[in-house]
PDB file of N, CA and C in Angstrom:
ATOM      1  N   UNK A   1     120.113 122.061 124.576  1.00  0.00           N
ATOM      2  CA  UNK A   1     119.680 121.140 123.533  1.00  0.00           C
ATOM      3  C   UNK A   1     119.189 119.853 124.182  1.00  0.00           C
ATOM      4  N   UNK A   2     118.056 119.434 123.768  1.00  0.00           N
ATOM      5  CA  UNK A   2     117.508 118.189 124.265  1.00  0.00           C
ATOM      6  C   UNK A   2     117.231 117.248 123.118  1.00  0.00           C
ATOM      7  N   UNK A   3     116.477 116.253 123.429  1.00  0.00           N
ATOM      8  CA  UNK A   3     116.066 115.293 122.421  1.00  0.00           C
ATOM      9  C   UNK A   3     114.950 115.923 121.602  1.00  0.00           C
ATOM     10  N   UNK A   4     115.189 116.171 120.335  1.00  0.00           N
ATOM     11  CA  UNK A   4     114.213 116.847 119.482  1.00  0.00           C
ATOM     12  C   UNK A   4     113.275 115.891 118.751  1.00  0.00           C
ATOM     13  N   UNK A   5     113.358 114.594 119.058  1.00  0.00           N
ATOM     14  CA  UNK A   5     112.501 113.617 118.394  1.00  0.00           C
ATOM     15  C   UNK A   5     111.068 113.807 118.889  1.00  0.00           C
ATOM     16  N   UNK A   6     110.142 113.926 117.962  1.00  0.00           N
ATOM     17  CA  UNK A   6     108.740 114.108 118.331  1.00  0.00           C
ATOM     18  C   UNK A   6     108.201 112.836 118.977  1.00  0.00           C
ATOM     19  N   UNK A   7     107.570 112.999 120.097  1.00  0.00           N
ATOM     20  CA  UNK A   7     106.975 111.881 120.824  1.00  0.00           C
ATOM     21  C   UNK A   7     105.508 112.194 121.089  1.00  0.00           C
ATOM     22  N   UNK A   8     104.672 111.157 121.225  1.00  0.00           N
ATOM     23  CA  UNK A   8     103.290 111.408 121.618  1.00  0.00           C
ATOM     24  C   UNK A   8     103.249 112.137 122.961  1.00  0.00           C
ATOM     25  N   UNK A   9     102.119 112.599 123.325  1.00  0.00           N
ATOM     26  CA  UNK A   9     101.946 113.442 124.510  1.00  0.00           C
ATOM     27  C   UNK A   9     102.558 112.871 125.784  1.00  0.00           C
ATOM     28  N   UNK A  10     102.622 111.565 125.948  1.00  0.00           N
ATOM     29  CA  UNK A  10     103.094 110.969 127.191  1.00  0.00           C
ATOM     30  C   UNK A  10     104.593 110.768 127.279  1.00  0.00           C
ATOM     31  N   UNK A  11     105.375 111.216 126.331  1.00  0.00           N
ATOM     32  CA  UNK A  11     106.821 111.075 126.381  1.00  0.00           C
ATOM     33  C   UNK A  11     107.290 109.699 125.938  1.00  0.00           C
ATOM     34  N   UNK A  12     108.516 109.338 126.359  1.00  0.00           N
ATOM     35  CA  UNK A  12     109.145 108.098 125.908  1.00  0.00           C
ATOM     36  C   UNK A  12     108.370 106.845 126.305  1.00  0.00           C
ATOM     37  N   UNK A  13     107.840 106.813 127.528  1.00  0.00           N
ATOM     38  CA  UNK A  13     107.092 105.627 127.956  1.00  0.00           C
ATOM     39  C   UNK A  13     105.845 105.425 127.112  1.00  0.00           C
ATOM     40  N   UNK A  14     105.160 106.502 126.815  1.00  0.00           N
ATOM     41  CA  UNK A  14     103.966 106.404 125.984  1.00  0.00           C
ATOM     42  C   UNK A  14     104.328 106.005 124.559  1.00  0.00           C
ATOM     43  N   UNK A  15     105.436 106.530 124.037  1.00  0.00           N
ATOM     44  CA  UNK A  15     105.902 106.177 122.698  1.00  0.00           C
ATOM     45  C   UNK A  15     106.243 104.686 122.632  1.00  0.00           C
ATOM     46  N   UNK A  16     106.924 104.184 123.633  1.00  0.00           N
ATOM     47  CA  UNK A  16     107.283 102.763 123.697  1.00  0.00           C
ATOM     48  C   UNK A  16     106.025 101.899 123.729  1.00  0.00           C
ATOM     49  N   UNK A  17     105.041 102.299 124.530  1.00  0.00           N
ATOM     50  CA  UNK A  17     103.794 101.542 124.624  1.00  0.00           C
ATOM     51  C   UNK A  17     103.062 101.561 123.279  1.00  0.00           C
ATOM     52  N   UNK A  18     103.061 102.711 122.622  1.00  0.00           N
ATOM     53  CA  UNK A  18     102.421 102.829 121.311  1.00  0.00           C
ATOM     54  C   UNK A  18     103.073 101.899 120.290  1.00  0.00           C
ATOM     55  N   UNK A  19     104.399 101.828 120.299  1.00  0.00           N
ATOM     56  CA  UNK A  19     105.099 100.920 119.387  1.00  0.00           C
ATOM     57  C   UNK A  19     104.743  99.468 119.673  1.00  0.00           C
ATOM     58  N   UNK A  20     104.678  99.097 120.951  1.00  0.00           N
ATOM     59  CA  UNK A  20     104.343  97.717 121.315  1.00  0.00           C
ATOM     60  C   UNK A  20     102.939  97.341 120.856  1.00  0.00           C
ATOM     61  N   UNK A  21     102.022  98.275 120.922  1.00  0.00           N
ATOM     62  CA  UNK A  21     100.634  98.012 120.527  1.00  0.00           C
ATOM     63  C   UNK A  21     100.484  97.960 119.009  1.00  0.00           C
ATOM     64  N   UNK A  22     101.140  98.866 118.300  1.00  0.00           N
ATOM     65  CA  UNK A  22     100.931  98.950 116.850  1.00  0.00           C
ATOM     66  C   UNK A  22     101.811  98.014 116.042  1.00  0.00           C
ATOM     67  N   UNK A  23     102.921  97.546 116.601  1.00  0.00           N
ATOM     68  CA  UNK A  23     103.835  96.674 115.851  1.00  0.00           C
ATOM     69  C   UNK A  23     103.118  95.456 115.260  1.00  0.00           C
ATOM     70  N   UNK A  24     102.368  94.695 116.050  1.00  0.00           N
ATOM     71  CA  UNK A  24     101.698  93.520 115.458  1.00  0.00           C
ATOM     72  C   UNK A  24     100.701  93.896 114.365  1.00  0.00           C
ATOM     73  N   UNK A  25     100.134  95.072 114.433  1.00  0.00           N
ATOM     74  CA  UNK A  25      99.167  95.497 113.426  1.00  0.00           C
ATOM     75  C   UNK A  25      99.843  95.850 112.105  1.00  0.00           C
ATOM     76  N   UNK A  26     101.056  96.386 112.179  1.00  0.00           N
ATOM     77  CA  UNK A  26     101.768  96.821 110.965  1.00  0.00           C
ATOM     78  C   UNK A  26     102.618  95.726 110.345  1.00  0.00           C
ATOM     79  N   UNK A  27     103.069  94.777 111.139  1.00  0.00           N
ATOM     80  CA  UNK A  27     104.032  93.789 110.643  1.00  0.00           C
ATOM     81  C   UNK A  27     103.522  93.036 109.412  1.00  0.00           C
ATOM     82  N   UNK A  28     102.307  92.547 109.441  1.00  0.00           N
ATOM     83  CA  UNK A  28     101.759  91.799 108.303  1.00  0.00           C
ATOM     84  C   UNK A  28     101.639  92.655 107.046  1.00  0.00           C
ATOM     85  N   UNK A  29     101.241  93.902 107.225  1.00  0.00           N
ATOM     86  CA  UNK A  29     101.107  94.816 106.089  1.00  0.00           C
ATOM     87  C   UNK A  29     102.472  95.077 105.458  1.00  0.00           C
ATOM     88  N   UNK A  30     103.471  95.307 106.287  1.00  0.00           N
ATOM     89  CA  UNK A  30     104.823  95.566 105.777  1.00  0.00           C
ATOM     90  C   UNK A  30     105.365  94.336 105.057  1.00  0.00           C
ATOM     91  N   UNK A  31     105.189  93.155 105.645  1.00  0.00           N
ATOM     92  CA  UNK A  31     105.664  91.921 104.999  1.00  0.00           C
ATOM     93  C   UNK A  31     104.969  91.696 103.656  1.00  0.00           C
ATOM     94  N   UNK A  32     103.669  91.924 103.603  1.00  0.00           N
ATOM     95  CA  UNK A  32     102.926  91.763 102.338  1.00  0.00           C
ATOM     96  C   UNK A  32     103.410  92.762 101.288  1.00  0.00           C
ATOM     97  N   UNK A  33     103.651  94.004 101.698  1.00  0.00           N
ATOM     98  CA  UNK A  33     104.123  95.033 100.762  1.00  0.00           C
ATOM     99  C   UNK A  33     105.503  94.681 100.206  1.00  0.00           C
ATOM    100  N   UNK A  34     106.384  94.211 101.064  1.00  0.00           N
ATOM    101  CA  UNK A  34     107.727  93.837 100.613  1.00  0.00           C
ATOM    102  C   UNK A  34     107.658  92.626  99.685  1.00  0.00           C
ATOM    103  N   UNK A  35     106.831  91.658 100.015  1.00  0.00           N
ATOM    104  CA  UNK A  35     106.675  90.479  99.147  1.00  0.00           C
ATOM    105  C   UNK A  35     106.142  90.879  97.775  1.00  0.00           C
ATOM    106  N   UNK A  36     105.235  91.846  97.753  1.00  0.00           N
ATOM    107  CA  UNK A  36     104.654  92.299  96.484  1.00  0.00           C
ATOM    108  C   UNK A  36     105.690  92.976  95.590  1.00  0.00           C
ATOM    109  N   UNK A  37     106.767  93.483  96.175  1.00  0.00           N
ATOM    110  CA  UNK A  37     107.822  94.119  95.382  1.00  0.00           C
ATOM    111  C   UNK A  37     108.606  93.116  94.540  1.00  0.00           C
ATOM    112  N   UNK A  38     108.615  91.851  94.988  1.00  0.00           N
ATOM    113  CA  UNK A  38     109.342  90.775  94.294  1.00  0.00           C
ATOM    114  C   UNK A  38     110.776  91.206  93.972  1.00  0.00           C
ATOM    115  N   UNK A  39     111.476  91.634  95.011  1.00  0.00           N
ATOM    116  CA  UNK A  39     112.850  92.116  94.850  1.00  0.00           C
ATOM    117  C   UNK A  39     113.800  90.965  94.538  1.00  0.00           C
ATOM    118  N   UNK A  40     114.710  91.142  93.597  1.00  0.00           N
ATOM    119  CA  UNK A  40     115.693  90.099  93.318  1.00  0.00           C
ATOM    120  C   UNK A  40     116.703  89.994  94.458  1.00  0.00           C
ATOM    121  N   UNK A  41     117.233  88.801  94.638  1.00  0.00           N
ATOM    122  CA  UNK A  41     118.255  88.593  95.674  1.00  0.00           C
ATOM    123  C   UNK A  41     119.405  89.571  95.464  1.00  0.00           C
ATOM    124  N   UNK A  42     119.907  90.093  96.571  1.00  0.00           N
ATOM    125  CA  UNK A  42     121.037  91.010  96.506  1.00  0.00           C
ATOM    126  C   UNK A  42     120.657  92.460  96.251  1.00  0.00           C
ATOM    127  N   UNK A  43     119.361  92.745  96.150  1.00  0.00           N
ATOM    128  CA  UNK A  43     118.931  94.127  95.937  1.00  0.00           C
ATOM    129  C   UNK A  43     119.365  95.005  97.104  1.00  0.00           C
ATOM    130  N   UNK A  44     119.429  96.301  96.852  1.00  0.00           N
ATOM    131  CA  UNK A  44     119.768  97.266  97.893  1.00  0.00           C
ATOM    132  C   UNK A  44     118.584  98.186  98.114  1.00  0.00           C
ATOM    133  N   UNK A  45     118.462  98.686  99.340  1.00  0.00           N
ATOM    134  CA  UNK A  45     117.367  99.596  99.651  1.00  0.00           C
ATOM    135  C   UNK A  45     117.772 100.557 100.746  1.00  0.00           C
ATOM    136  N   UNK A  46     116.893 101.467 101.045  1.00  0.00           N
ATOM    137  CA  UNK A  46     117.148 102.470 102.064  1.00  0.00           C
ATOM    138  C   UNK A  46     115.924 102.614 102.947  1.00  0.00           C
ATOM    139  N   UNK A  47     116.128 102.464 104.241  1.00  0.00           N
ATOM    140  CA  UNK A  47     115.108 102.790 105.227  1.00  0.00           C
ATOM    141  C   UNK A  47     115.499 104.165 105.752  1.00  0.00           C
ATOM    142  N   UNK A  48     114.683 105.159 105.511  1.00  0.00           N
ATOM    143  CA  UNK A  48     115.044 106.544 105.826  1.00  0.00           C
ATOM    144  C   UNK A  48     115.023 106.876 107.311  1.00  0.00           C
ATOM    145  N   UNK A  49     114.915 105.901 108.164  1.00  0.00           N
ATOM    146  CA  UNK A  49     115.081 106.133 109.592  1.00  0.00           C
ATOM    147  C   UNK A  49     113.885 106.711 110.307  1.00  0.00           C
ATOM    148  N   UNK A  50     112.735 106.145 110.104  1.00  0.00           N
ATOM    149  CA  UNK A  50     111.551 106.611 110.797  1.00  0.00           C
ATOM    150  C   UNK A  50     110.925 105.400 111.485  1.00  0.00           C
ATOM    151  N   UNK A  51     111.031 105.317 112.782  1.00  0.00           N
ATOM    152  CA  UNK A  51     110.487 104.175 113.510  1.00  0.00           C
ATOM    153  C   UNK A  51     111.582 103.278 114.036  1.00  0.00           C
ATOM    154  N   UNK A  52     111.246 102.013 114.241  1.00  0.00           N
ATOM    155  CA  UNK A  52     112.175 101.080 114.884  1.00  0.00           C
ATOM    156  C   UNK A  52     112.883 100.149 113.909  1.00  0.00           C
ATOM    157  N   UNK A  53     112.686 100.319 112.619  1.00  0.00           N
ATOM    158  CA  UNK A  53     113.447  99.554 111.639  1.00  0.00           C
ATOM    159  C   UNK A  53     112.786  98.317 111.077  1.00  0.00           C
ATOM    160  N   UNK A  54     111.529  98.093 111.379  1.00  0.00           N
ATOM    161  CA  UNK A  54     110.866  96.896 110.842  1.00  0.00           C
ATOM    162  C   UNK A  54     110.931  96.827 109.317  1.00  0.00           C
ATOM    163  N   UNK A  55     110.684  97.922 108.581  1.00  0.00           N
ATOM    164  CA  UNK A  55     110.805  97.815 107.122  1.00  0.00           C
ATOM    165  C   UNK A  55     112.222  97.427 106.683  1.00  0.00           C
ATOM    166  N   UNK A  56     113.248  97.949 107.330  1.00  0.00           N
ATOM    167  CA  UNK A  56     114.630  97.620 106.962  1.00  0.00           C
ATOM    168  C   UNK A  56     114.923  96.145 107.213  1.00  0.00           C
ATOM    169  N   UNK A  57     114.482  95.634 108.331  1.00  0.00           N
ATOM    170  CA  UNK A  57     114.698  94.222 108.655  1.00  0.00           C
ATOM    171  C   UNK A  57     113.953  93.341 107.654  1.00  0.00           C
ATOM    172  N   UNK A  58     112.722  93.701 107.361  1.00  0.00           N
ATOM    173  CA  UNK A  58     111.909  92.916 106.426  1.00  0.00           C
ATOM    174  C   UNK A  58     112.491  92.941 105.032  1.00  0.00           C
ATOM    175  N   UNK A  59     112.971  94.096 104.575  1.00  0.00           N
ATOM    176  CA  UNK A  59     113.614  94.200 103.263  1.00  0.00           C
ATOM    177  C   UNK A  59     114.891  93.357 103.209  1.00  0.00           C
ATOM    178  N   UNK A  60     115.691  93.417 104.268  1.00  0.00           N
ATOM    179  CA  UNK A  60     116.940  92.639 104.305  1.00  0.00           C
ATOM    180  C   UNK A  60     116.648  91.139 104.229  1.00  0.00           C
ATOM    181  N   UNK A  61     115.638  90.696 104.945  1.00  0.00           N
ATOM    182  CA  UNK A  61     115.254  89.281 104.891  1.00  0.00           C
ATOM    183  C   UNK A  61     114.808  88.890 103.488  1.00  0.00           C
ATOM    184  N   UNK A  62     114.084  89.764 102.817  1.00  0.00           N
ATOM    185  CA  UNK A  62     113.551  89.464 101.492  1.00  0.00           C
ATOM    186  C   UNK A  62     114.632  89.320 100.440  1.00  0.00           C
ATOM    187  N   UNK A  63     115.749  90.022 100.589  1.00  0.00           N
ATOM    188  CA  UNK A  63     116.798  89.973  99.568  1.00  0.00           C
ATOM    189  C   UNK A  63     117.997  89.145 100.017  1.00  0.00           C
ATOM    190  N   UNK A  64     117.881  88.511 101.169  1.00  0.00           N
ATOM    191  CA  UNK A  64     118.926  87.610 101.618  1.00  0.00           C
ATOM    192  C   UNK A  64     120.126  88.277 102.263  1.00  0.00           C
ATOM    193  N   UNK A  65     119.925  89.401 102.893  1.00  0.00           N
ATOM    194  CA  UNK A  65     121.030  90.086 103.573  1.00  0.00           C
ATOM    195  C   UNK A  65     121.040  89.766 105.045  1.00  0.00           C
TER     196      UNK A  65
END
């Protein structure tokens, strides 16, 4: 049994590089989407565990957690 997480063709190093490159491109979109939700303070949510957690962090900041 190995690590069954799907990675781009270059393995972990390539996956890490891809995240570093795409993070700044996605961050603004995610923040805008969360702001558009207009979530009340104390709301609860679920990040289904795909990626590095930026949506979860952004949601937590938006509801004051």
